[in-house]
Amino acid sequence: MPLNLQQQAQIFPQGEVAPRGAVVSRYQVRQQQKIYWDYRLQAQEPIFPKAHDAKALSNSLLSLS
C-alpha cells in the first residue's frame, strides 16, 4: 500500500529507512479462526549480521536502534 503525502512528509526527513533494493511484502496469515496481514522486509543482500550466539545477535540488534 503506497504512503500518502502526510506519511511521506514524516518519514523522508529521517533519511533511508531500508537498504536499496529492499521491498516490503504483505501476505495474509490464517491461524485457526483468525486471519491477519503480516509484513516481511526482503532484500537480495543480508540486512542484519549473522551471529552464532544469542548474545552477539542481541547486541547487534540493539546497536541498530
PDB file of N, CA and C in Angstrom:
ATOM      1  N   MET A   1       0.851  -1.168   0.000  1.00  0.00           N
ATOM      2  CA  MET A   1       0.000   0.000   0.000  1.00  0.00           C
ATOM      3  C   MET A   1       0.899   1.234   0.000  1.00  0.00           C
ATOM      4  N   PRO A   2       0.743   2.126  -0.954  1.00  0.00           N
ATOM      5  CA  PRO A   2       1.585   3.324  -1.023  1.00  0.00           C
ATOM      6  C   PRO A   2       1.329   4.275   0.144  1.00  0.00           C
ATOM      7  N   LEU A   3       2.349   5.034   0.480  1.00  0.00           N
ATOM      8  CA  LEU A   3       2.221   6.029   1.539  1.00  0.00           C
ATOM      9  C   LEU A   3       1.470   7.246   1.025  1.00  0.00           C
ATOM     10  N   ASN A   4       0.667   7.848   1.890  1.00  0.00           N
ATOM     11  CA  ASN A   4       0.042   9.116   1.489  1.00  0.00           C
ATOM     12  C   ASN A   4       1.063  10.238   1.716  1.00  0.00           C
ATOM     13  N   LEU A   5       0.745  11.421   1.254  1.00  0.00           N
ATOM     14  CA  LEU A   5       1.704  12.535   1.322  1.00  0.00           C
ATOM     15  C   LEU A   5       2.083  12.895   2.749  1.00  0.00           C
ATOM     16  N   GLN A   6       1.145  12.831   3.672  1.00  0.00           N
ATOM     17  CA  GLN A   6       1.440  13.156   5.069  1.00  0.00           C
ATOM     18  C   GLN A   6       2.425  12.135   5.656  1.00  0.00           C
ATOM     19  N   GLN A   7       2.225  10.853   5.357  1.00  0.00           N
ATOM     20  CA  GLN A   7       3.142   9.823   5.844  1.00  0.00           C
ATOM     21  C   GLN A   7       4.535  10.013   5.250  1.00  0.00           C
ATOM     22  N   GLN A   8       4.594  10.328   3.967  1.00  0.00           N
ATOM     23  CA  GLN A   8       5.885  10.568   3.326  1.00  0.00           C
ATOM     24  C   GLN A   8       6.604  11.744   3.964  1.00  0.00           C
ATOM     25  N   ALA A   9       5.873  12.806   4.263  1.00  0.00           N
ATOM     26  CA  ALA A   9       6.467  14.001   4.868  1.00  0.00           C
ATOM     27  C   ALA A   9       7.056  13.690   6.237  1.00  0.00           C
ATOM     28  N   GLN A  10       6.494  12.736   6.955  1.00  0.00           N
ATOM     29  CA  GLN A  10       7.011  12.366   8.276  1.00  0.00           C
ATOM     30  C   GLN A  10       8.227  11.448   8.170  1.00  0.00           C
ATOM     31  N   ILE A  11       8.259  10.577   7.172  1.00  0.00           N
ATOM     32  CA  ILE A  11       9.314   9.563   7.082  1.00  0.00           C
ATOM     33  C   ILE A  11      10.549  10.058   6.330  1.00  0.00           C
ATOM     34  N   PHE A  12      10.383  10.729   5.203  1.00  0.00           N
ATOM     35  CA  PHE A  12      11.504  11.088   4.343  1.00  0.00           C
ATOM     36  C   PHE A  12      12.582  11.932   5.016  1.00  0.00           C
ATOM     37  N   PRO A  13      12.260  12.871   5.920  1.00  0.00           N
ATOM     38  CA  PRO A  13      13.339  13.633   6.561  1.00  0.00           C
ATOM     39  C   PRO A  13      14.288  12.768   7.402  1.00  0.00           C
ATOM     40  N   GLN A  14      13.857  11.558   7.771  1.00  0.00           N
ATOM     41  CA  GLN A  14      14.698  10.663   8.568  1.00  0.00           C
ATOM     42  C   GLN A  14      15.798  10.024   7.728  1.00  0.00           C
ATOM     43  N   GLY A  15      15.724  10.160   6.404  1.00  0.00           N
ATOM     44  CA  GLY A  15      16.707   9.535   5.533  1.00  0.00           C
ATOM     45  C   GLY A  15      16.256   8.144   5.142  1.00  0.00           C
ATOM     46  N   GLU A  16      17.199   7.333   4.699  1.00  0.00           N
ATOM     47  CA  GLU A  16      16.872   5.984   4.255  1.00  0.00           C
ATOM     48  C   GLU A  16      16.398   5.153   5.437  1.00  0.00           C
ATOM     49  N   VAL A  17      15.327   4.428   5.229  1.00  0.00           N
ATOM     50  CA  VAL A  17      14.796   3.577   6.290  1.00  0.00           C
ATOM     51  C   VAL A  17      14.977   2.101   5.967  1.00  0.00           C
ATOM     52  N   ALA A  18      15.437   1.788   4.769  1.00  0.00           N
ATOM     53  CA  ALA A  18      15.741   0.410   4.361  1.00  0.00           C
ATOM     54  C   ALA A  18      16.806   0.470   3.271  1.00  0.00           C
ATOM     55  N   PRO A  19      17.591  -0.586   3.139  1.00  0.00           N
ATOM     56  CA  PRO A  19      18.623  -0.608   2.097  1.00  0.00           C
ATOM     57  C   PRO A  19      17.998  -0.548   0.699  1.00  0.00           C
ATOM     58  N   ARG A  20      18.760  -0.036  -0.267  1.00  0.00           N
ATOM     59  CA  ARG A  20      18.293  -0.027  -1.661  1.00  0.00           C
ATOM     60  C   ARG A  20      17.974  -1.450  -2.097  1.00  0.00           C
ATOM     61  N   GLY A  21      16.921  -1.580  -2.846  1.00  0.00           N
ATOM     62  CA  GLY A  21      16.536  -2.893  -3.362  1.00  0.00           C
ATOM     63  C   GLY A  21      15.694  -3.709  -2.400  1.00  0.00           C
ATOM     64  N   ALA A  22      15.510  -3.224  -1.180  1.00  0.00           N
ATOM     65  CA  ALA A  22      14.685  -3.947  -0.212  1.00  0.00           C
ATOM     66  C   ALA A  22      13.221  -3.633  -0.493  1.00  0.00           C
ATOM     67  N   VAL A  23      12.388  -4.635  -0.303  1.00  0.00           N
ATOM     68  CA  VAL A  23      10.954  -4.454  -0.504  1.00  0.00           C
ATOM     69  C   VAL A  23      10.205  -5.006   0.696  1.00  0.00           C
ATOM     70  N   VAL A  24       9.030  -4.482   0.929  1.00  0.00           N
ATOM     71  CA  VAL A  24       8.167  -4.992   1.983  1.00  0.00           C
ATOM     72  C   VAL A  24       7.077  -5.803   1.307  1.00  0.00           C
ATOM     73  N   SER A  25       6.980  -7.062   1.688  1.00  0.00           N
ATOM     74  CA  SER A  25       5.940  -7.935   1.154  1.00  0.00           C
ATOM     75  C   SER A  25       4.839  -8.080   2.186  1.00  0.00           C
ATOM     76  N   ARG A  26       3.613  -7.996   1.732  1.00  0.00           N
ATOM     77  CA  ARG A  26       2.457  -8.155   2.609  1.00  0.00           C
ATOM     78  C   ARG A  26       1.794  -9.483   2.253  1.00  0.00           C
ATOM     79  N   TYR A  27       1.479 -10.273   3.265  1.00  0.00           N
ATOM     80  CA  TYR A  27       0.819 -11.539   2.995  1.00  0.00           C
ATOM     81  C   TYR A  27      -0.193 -11.843   4.084  1.00  0.00           C
ATOM     82  N   GLN A  28      -1.163 -12.661   3.709  1.00  0.00           N
ATOM     83  CA  GLN A  28      -2.256 -12.998   4.625  1.00  0.00           C
ATOM     84  C   GLN A  28      -1.906 -14.269   5.381  1.00  0.00           C
ATOM     85  N   VAL A  29      -2.096 -14.244   6.702  1.00  0.00           N
ATOM     86  CA  VAL A  29      -1.820 -15.387   7.557  1.00  0.00           C
ATOM     87  C   VAL A  29      -3.146 -15.900   8.099  1.00  0.00           C
ATOM     88  N   ARG A  30      -3.325 -17.191   8.023  1.00  0.00           N
ATOM     89  CA  ARG A  30      -4.549 -17.808   8.563  1.00  0.00           C
ATOM     90  C   ARG A  30      -4.152 -18.779   9.657  1.00  0.00           C
ATOM     91  N   GLN A  31      -4.653 -18.538  10.858  1.00  0.00           N
ATOM     92  CA  GLN A  31      -4.401 -19.409  12.001  1.00  0.00           C
ATOM     93  C   GLN A  31      -5.730 -19.720  12.655  1.00  0.00           C
ATOM     94  N   GLN A  32      -6.061 -20.978  12.697  1.00  0.00           N
ATOM     95  CA  GLN A  32      -7.329 -21.433  13.264  1.00  0.00           C
ATOM     96  C   GLN A  32      -8.462 -20.566  12.730  1.00  0.00           C
ATOM     97  N   GLN A  33      -9.060 -19.723  13.558  1.00  0.00           N
ATOM     98  CA  GLN A  33     -10.170 -18.901  13.090  1.00  0.00           C
ATOM     99  C   GLN A  33      -9.776 -17.444  12.918  1.00  0.00           C
ATOM    100  N   LYS A  34      -8.488 -17.159  12.957  1.00  0.00           N
ATOM    101  CA  LYS A  34      -8.006 -15.784  12.787  1.00  0.00           C
ATOM    102  C   LYS A  34      -7.383 -15.612  11.410  1.00  0.00           C
ATOM    103  N   ILE A  35      -7.580 -14.446  10.837  1.00  0.00           N
ATOM    104  CA  ILE A  35      -6.918 -14.069   9.593  1.00  0.00           C
ATOM    105  C   ILE A  35      -6.347 -12.671   9.812  1.00  0.00           C
ATOM    106  N   TYR A  36      -5.054 -12.497   9.524  1.00  0.00           N
ATOM    107  CA  TYR A  36      -4.448 -11.180   9.677  1.00  0.00           C
ATOM    108  C   TYR A  36      -3.379 -10.989   8.605  1.00  0.00           C
ATOM    109  N   TRP A  37      -2.950  -9.751   8.435  1.00  0.00           N
ATOM    110  CA  TRP A  37      -1.910  -9.417   7.473  1.00  0.00           C
ATOM    111  C   TRP A  37      -0.570  -9.331   8.192  1.00  0.00           C
ATOM    112  N   ASP A  38       0.447  -9.848   7.567  1.00  0.00           N
ATOM    113  CA  ASP A  38       1.800  -9.761   8.106  1.00  0.00           C
ATOM    114  C   ASP A  38       2.686  -9.131   7.037  1.00  0.00           C
ATOM    115  N   TYR A  39       3.777  -8.528   7.448  1.00  0.00           N
ATOM    116  CA  TYR A  39       4.676  -7.838   6.534  1.00  0.00           C
ATOM    117  C   TYR A  39       6.081  -8.393   6.702  1.00  0.00           C
ATOM    118  N   ARG A  40       6.802  -8.534   5.594  1.00  0.00           N
ATOM    119  CA  ARG A  40       8.153  -9.076   5.640  1.00  0.00           C
ATOM    120  C   ARG A  40       9.076  -8.174   4.824  1.00  0.00           C
ATOM    121  N   LEU A  41      10.173  -7.763   5.435  1.00  0.00           N
ATOM    122  CA  LEU A  41      11.198  -6.989   4.732  1.00  0.00           C
ATOM    123  C   LEU A  41      12.112  -7.975   4.024  1.00  0.00           C
ATOM    124  N   GLN A  42      12.232  -7.845   2.697  1.00  0.00           N
ATOM    125  CA  GLN A  42      13.059  -8.760   1.930  1.00  0.00           C
ATOM    126  C   GLN A  42      14.094  -7.980   1.121  1.00  0.00           C
ATOM    127  N   ALA A  43      15.299  -8.542   1.040  1.00  0.00           N
ATOM    128  CA  ALA A  43      16.373  -7.906   0.289  1.00  0.00           C
ATOM    129  C   ALA A  43      17.237  -8.984  -0.348  1.00  0.00           C
ATOM    130  N   GLN A  44      17.938  -8.615  -1.412  1.00  0.00           N
ATOM    131  CA  GLN A  44      18.817  -9.577  -2.081  1.00  0.00           C
ATOM    132  C   GLN A  44      20.059  -9.855  -1.241  1.00  0.00           C
ATOM    133  N   GLU A  45      20.548  -8.845  -0.550  1.00  0.00           N
ATOM    134  CA  GLU A  45      21.721  -8.992   0.314  1.00  0.00           C
ATOM    135  C   GLU A  45      21.261  -9.048   1.769  1.00  0.00           C
ATOM    136  N   PRO A  46      21.968  -9.763   2.645  1.00  0.00           N
ATOM    137  CA  PRO A  46      21.590  -9.794   4.059  1.00  0.00           C
ATOM    138  C   PRO A  46      21.594  -8.390   4.661  1.00  0.00           C
ATOM    139  N   ILE A  47      20.594  -8.092   5.471  1.00  0.00           N
ATOM    140  CA  ILE A  47      20.475  -6.785   6.109  1.00  0.00           C
ATOM    141  C   ILE A  47      21.121  -6.802   7.486  1.00  0.00           C
ATOM    142  N   PHE A  48      20.906  -7.869   8.230  1.00  0.00           N
ATOM    143  CA  PHE A  48      21.426  -7.987   9.589  1.00  0.00           C
ATOM    144  C   PHE A  48      22.607  -8.939   9.603  1.00  0.00           C
ATOM    145  N   PRO A  49      23.596  -8.687  10.459  1.00  0.00           N
ATOM    146  CA  PRO A  49      24.750  -9.583  10.534  1.00  0.00           C
ATOM    147  C   PRO A  49      24.350 -10.945  11.088  1.00  0.00           C
ATOM    148  N   LYS A  50      25.040 -11.978  10.618  1.00  0.00           N
ATOM    149  CA  LYS A  50      24.793 -13.315  11.152  1.00  0.00           C
ATOM    150  C   LYS A  50      25.523 -13.440  12.483  1.00  0.00           C
ATOM    151  N   ALA A  51      24.914 -14.119  13.416  1.00  0.00           N
ATOM    152  CA  ALA A  51      25.542 -14.346  14.719  1.00  0.00           C
ATOM    153  C   ALA A  51      25.298 -15.795  15.120  1.00  0.00           C
ATOM    154  N   HIS A  52      26.295 -16.378  15.744  1.00  0.00           N
ATOM    155  CA  HIS A  52      26.180 -17.776  16.137  1.00  0.00           C
ATOM    156  C   HIS A  52      25.640 -17.932  17.556  1.00  0.00           C
ATOM    157  N   ASP A  53      25.669 -16.868  18.315  1.00  0.00           N
ATOM    158  CA  ASP A  53      25.117 -16.982  19.659  1.00  0.00           C
ATOM    159  C   ASP A  53      24.118 -15.847  19.901  1.00  0.00           C
ATOM    160  N   ALA A  54      23.169 -16.073  20.767  1.00  0.00           N
ATOM    161  CA  ALA A  54      22.072 -15.132  21.003  1.00  0.00           C
ATOM    162  C   ALA A  54      22.571 -13.785  21.519  1.00  0.00           C
ATOM    163  N   LYS A  55      23.627 -13.768  22.360  1.00  0.00           N
ATOM    164  CA  LYS A  55      24.109 -12.516  22.922  1.00  0.00           C
ATOM    165  C   LYS A  55      24.668 -11.604  21.828  1.00  0.00           C
ATOM    166  N   ALA A  56      25.449 -12.145  20.917  1.00  0.00           N
ATOM    167  CA  ALA A  56      26.019 -11.339  19.831  1.00  0.00           C
ATOM    168  C   ALA A  56      24.913 -10.781  18.937  1.00  0.00           C
ATOM    169  N   LEU A  57      23.904 -11.590  18.653  1.00  0.00           N
ATOM    170  CA  LEU A  57      22.804 -11.144  17.826  1.00  0.00           C
ATOM    171  C   LEU A  57      22.031 -10.030  18.544  1.00  0.00           C
ATOM    172  N   SER A  58      21.775 -10.222  19.826  1.00  0.00           N
ATOM    173  CA  SER A  58      21.052  -9.223  20.609  1.00  0.00           C
ATOM    174  C   SER A  58      21.803  -7.897  20.623  1.00  0.00           C
ATOM    175  N   ASN A  59      23.119  -7.940  20.807  1.00  0.00           N
ATOM    176  CA  ASN A  59      23.927  -6.714  20.832  1.00  0.00           C
ATOM    177  C   ASN A  59      23.906  -6.011  19.477  1.00  0.00           C
ATOM    178  N   SER A  60      23.953  -6.770  18.385  1.00  0.00           N
ATOM    179  CA  SER A  60      23.950  -6.138  17.073  1.00  0.00           C
ATOM    180  C   SER A  60      22.592  -5.483  16.787  1.00  0.00           C
ATOM    181  N   LEU A  61      21.508  -6.106  17.222  1.00  0.00           N
ATOM    182  CA  LEU A  61      20.192  -5.518  17.013  1.00  0.00           C
ATOM    183  C   LEU A  61      19.996  -4.270  17.884  1.00  0.00           C
ATOM    184  N   LEU A  62      20.528  -4.288  19.089  1.00  0.00           N
ATOM    185  CA  LEU A  62      20.404  -3.114  19.957  1.00  0.00           C
ATOM    186  C   LEU A  62      21.176  -1.934  19.392  1.00  0.00           C
ATOM    187  N   SER A  63      22.273  -2.189  18.727  1.00  0.00           N
ATOM    188  CA  SER A  63      23.068  -1.088  18.180  1.00  0.00           C
ATOM    189  C   SER A  63      22.377  -0.425  16.991  1.00  0.00           C
ATOM    190  N   LEU A  64      21.393  -1.101  16.374  1.00  0.00           N
ATOM    191  CA  LEU A  64      20.662  -0.533  15.257  1.00  0.00           C
ATOM    192  C   LEU A  64      19.608   0.461  15.696  1.00  0.00           C
ATOM    193  N   SER A  65      19.169   0.369  16.940  1.00  0.00           N
ATOM    194  CA  SER A  65      18.077   1.268  17.397  1.00  0.00           C
ATOM    195  C   SER A  65      18.582   2.599  17.867  1.00  0.00           C
TER     196      SER A  65
END
